[in-house]
Amino acid sequence: MAEAAAICVVSGAEGSAIQEFIAATAAALRTAGANVVGVVGEEHGLPDRSCSAGFLVDIASGTRFAMYRDVPEPGRTCHIDAEGVEAACATVLPQIAGSDLVVLNKFGKLEAAGQGLWPALAAARDAGKPVLLAVSRRHAEAFGSAAPGAVVVAPDGAAFARWWDETGPAQRCDTL
């Protein structure tokens, strides 16, 4: 597998701010000519939910995958829908080989269990592709075991640009 330093974790703000940063970063890099693939998260915006999981949006096609259930499984409060996340992952997998950067919304409960977007993370690492993602605080230990040398940056364009300039291909992210 590629070095864990090729994995950039955005941390240090609330989840929605991190997801907005990741989406804006992916868009800026695509504008600069980088082949950025993967999925970014969108919250569902529904009231009275303990889980903010909403949609995963494929960066290349704009296809949206629901990753929440209207009604959680019996005995649970989390509305996450593993099937929706796995469908998004299946769309990303064939895009990884030709990519410059793989964006994976977040390493969370599903990924800690080897499900969800985990196959895409493993495929990107195996292919030596840089990865950008967030990590759920609850699952930081599991992520640390999977990628002990990952670089953590604040949701700040300059911090990401330093990592990208050291890790990514020739496209610079001066627009961040």
Protein backbone atom coordinates (compact mmCIF):
# COMPACT_ATOMS: atom_id res chain seq x y z
CA MET A 1 0.00 0.00 0.00
CA ALA A 2 1.03 3.60 -0.51
CA GLU A 3 2.37 5.63 2.36
CA ALA A 4 -0.26 6.93 4.75
CA ALA A 5 1.13 10.45 4.23
CA ALA A 6 -0.75 10.33 0.92
CA ILE A 7 -3.91 10.56 3.03
CA CYS A 8 -5.06 14.00 4.14
CA VAL A 9 -7.63 14.27 6.93
CA VAL A 10 -9.47 17.56 7.34
CA SER A 11 -10.19 18.21 11.00
CA GLY A 12 -10.72 21.02 13.49
CA ALA A 13 -14.19 22.32 12.67
CA GLU A 14 -17.79 21.13 12.74
CA GLY A 15 -18.76 18.48 10.22
CA SER A 16 -20.68 20.73 7.83
CA ALA A 17 -17.77 23.21 7.61
CA ILE A 18 -15.38 20.36 6.86
CA GLN A 19 -17.66 18.95 4.17
CA GLU A 20 -18.01 22.39 2.57
CA PHE A 21 -14.22 22.76 2.58
CA ILE A 22 -13.70 19.33 1.03
CA ALA A 23 -16.28 20.05 -1.71
CA ALA A 24 -14.76 23.48 -2.46
CA THR A 25 -11.26 22.02 -2.54
CA ALA A 26 -12.30 19.28 -4.94
CA ALA A 27 -13.99 21.82 -7.21
CA ALA A 28 -10.94 24.14 -7.19
CA LEU A 29 -8.58 21.30 -8.06
CA ARG A 30 -10.87 20.13 -10.88
CA THR A 31 -10.92 23.70 -12.23
CA ALA A 32 -7.12 23.69 -12.12
CA GLY A 33 -7.09 20.53 -14.25
CA ALA A 34 -6.70 17.77 -11.67
CA ASN A 35 -8.69 14.57 -12.13
CA VAL A 36 -10.48 14.55 -8.77
CA VAL A 37 -12.85 11.63 -8.19
CA GLY A 38 -14.86 10.39 -5.26
CA VAL A 39 -17.82 11.60 -3.26
CA VAL A 40 -18.67 14.63 -1.18
CA GLY A 41 -21.34 14.74 1.48
CA GLU A 42 -24.54 16.74 1.64
CA GLU A 43 -26.59 16.89 4.81
CA HIS A 44 -30.25 15.96 4.52
CA GLY A 45 -31.52 19.11 6.28
CA LEU A 46 -34.31 17.19 7.99
CA PRO A 47 -35.29 18.34 11.49
CA ASP A 48 -35.22 16.20 14.63
CA ARG A 49 -32.61 13.71 13.42
CA SER A 50 -29.71 12.49 15.53
CA CYS A 51 -27.80 11.59 12.37
CA SER A 52 -26.99 14.21 9.74
CA ALA A 53 -26.13 11.65 7.02
CA GLY A 54 -27.88 12.77 3.87
CA PHE A 55 -26.40 12.21 0.43
CA LEU A 56 -23.13 11.32 -1.19
CA VAL A 57 -22.57 13.13 -4.47
CA ASP A 58 -20.28 11.62 -7.09
CA ILE A 59 -17.80 14.35 -8.04
CA ALA A 60 -17.42 13.21 -11.65
CA SER A 61 -21.08 12.77 -12.57
CA GLY A 62 -23.08 14.66 -9.94
CA THR A 63 -25.10 11.53 -9.19
CA ARG A 64 -26.59 11.64 -5.68
CA PHE A 65 -26.77 8.58 -3.46
CA ALA A 66 -29.05 8.66 -0.42
CA MET A 67 -27.19 7.46 2.64
CA TYR A 68 -29.99 7.76 5.15
CA ARG A 69 -33.12 5.83 5.95
CA ASP A 70 -36.40 7.59 6.61
CA VAL A 71 -36.84 5.28 9.59
CA PRO A 72 -33.82 3.87 11.43
CA GLU A 73 -33.44 0.15 11.94
CA PRO A 74 -35.37 -1.15 14.97
CA GLY A 75 -33.63 -0.26 18.23
CA ARG A 76 -31.31 2.31 16.61
CA THR A 77 -31.29 6.09 16.32
CA CYS A 78 -28.87 6.33 13.39
CA HIS A 79 -30.51 6.76 10.02
CA ILE A 80 -27.48 5.73 7.94
CA ASP A 81 -28.19 3.48 4.96
CA ALA A 82 -25.23 1.23 4.24
CA GLU A 83 -26.64 0.22 0.85
CA GLY A 84 -26.61 3.82 -0.41
CA VAL A 85 -23.01 4.31 0.74
CA GLU A 86 -21.95 1.03 -0.86
CA ALA A 87 -23.64 2.03 -4.14
CA ALA A 88 -21.66 5.29 -4.10
CA CYS A 89 -18.48 3.34 -3.40
CA ALA A 90 -19.14 1.04 -6.35
CA THR A 91 -19.34 4.11 -8.59
CA VAL A 92 -16.03 5.49 -7.32
CA LEU A 93 -13.98 2.28 -7.54
CA PRO A 94 -13.53 2.23 -11.35
CA GLN A 95 -12.59 5.94 -11.36
CA ILE A 96 -9.61 5.58 -9.00
CA ALA A 97 -7.01 4.26 -11.45
CA GLY A 98 -7.02 7.42 -13.59
CA SER A 99 -7.37 9.90 -10.75
CA ASP A 100 -5.03 12.50 -9.29
CA LEU A 101 -6.96 12.70 -5.99
CA VAL A 102 -9.64 10.53 -4.41
CA VAL A 103 -12.12 12.35 -2.16
CA LEU A 104 -14.01 10.19 0.31
CA ASN A 105 -16.57 12.09 2.33
CA LYS A 106 -15.79 10.63 5.74
CA PHE A 107 -14.34 7.63 7.53
CA GLY A 108 -17.10 6.70 9.96
CA LYS A 109 -18.99 3.80 11.45
CA LEU A 110 -19.34 1.84 8.22
CA GLU A 111 -15.70 2.27 7.21
CA ALA A 112 -14.47 1.29 10.69
CA ALA A 113 -16.32 -1.99 10.11
CA GLY A 114 -14.72 -2.48 6.66
CA GLN A 115 -17.89 -1.41 4.82
CA GLY A 116 -19.19 1.78 3.21
CA LEU A 117 -16.37 3.65 1.48
CA TRP A 118 -13.67 1.39 2.92
CA PRO A 119 -13.12 -0.50 -0.38
CA ALA A 120 -12.47 2.81 -2.17
CA LEU A 121 -10.01 3.92 0.52
CA ALA A 122 -8.16 0.60 0.28
CA ALA A 123 -8.16 0.73 -3.55
CA ALA A 124 -6.80 4.29 -3.56
CA ARG A 125 -4.05 3.36 -1.13
CA ASP A 126 -3.19 0.24 -3.17
CA ALA A 127 -2.99 2.40 -6.31
CA GLY A 128 -0.82 5.01 -4.57
CA LYS A 129 -3.42 7.74 -5.06
CA PRO A 130 -3.67 10.69 -2.65
CA VAL A 131 -6.86 10.67 -0.59
CA LEU A 132 -8.75 13.57 1.03
CA LEU A 133 -11.39 12.87 3.66
CA ALA A 134 -12.79 13.67 7.08
CA VAL A 135 -12.75 11.25 9.99
CA SER A 136 -15.51 10.84 12.53
CA ARG A 137 -14.24 11.55 16.04
CA ARG A 138 -15.88 8.35 17.25
CA HIS A 139 -13.86 6.32 14.78
CA ALA A 140 -10.54 8.17 14.86
CA GLU A 141 -8.82 5.27 16.62
CA ALA A 142 -9.91 2.78 13.96
CA PHE A 143 -8.79 5.18 11.25
CA GLY A 144 -5.46 5.71 12.99
CA SER A 145 -4.89 1.96 12.91
CA ALA A 146 -5.65 1.87 9.19
CA ALA A 147 -3.59 4.96 8.31
CA PRO A 148 -1.21 5.79 11.16
CA GLY A 149 0.82 8.34 9.20
CA ALA A 150 -2.06 10.30 7.69
CA VAL A 151 -1.59 14.06 7.61
CA VAL A 152 -4.17 16.13 9.49
CA VAL A 153 -4.90 19.66 8.30
CA ALA A 154 -7.35 22.37 9.33
CA PRO A 155 -10.09 23.27 6.85
CA ASP A 156 -7.84 25.97 5.46
CA GLY A 157 -6.75 26.39 1.86
CA ALA A 158 -3.13 27.15 2.70
CA ALA A 159 -2.78 24.09 4.94
CA PHE A 160 -4.24 21.82 2.28
CA ALA A 161 -2.14 23.46 -0.46
CA ARG A 162 1.07 22.64 1.44
CA TRP A 163 0.04 18.97 1.63
CA TRP A 164 -1.09 18.89 -2.00
CA ASP A 165 2.08 20.54 -3.28
CA GLU A 166 4.11 17.81 -1.53
CA THR A 167 1.81 14.92 -2.44
CA GLY A 168 -0.23 15.65 -5.54
CA PRO A 169 0.71 15.86 -9.21
CA ALA A 170 1.71 19.07 -10.99
CA GLN A 171 -1.64 20.88 -10.57
CA ARG A 172 -1.23 23.48 -7.88
CA CYS A 173 -4.10 24.75 -5.78
CA ASP A 174 -3.23 28.43 -5.72
CA THR A 175 -6.95 29.25 -5.90
CA LEU A 176 -7.69 27.92 -2.39
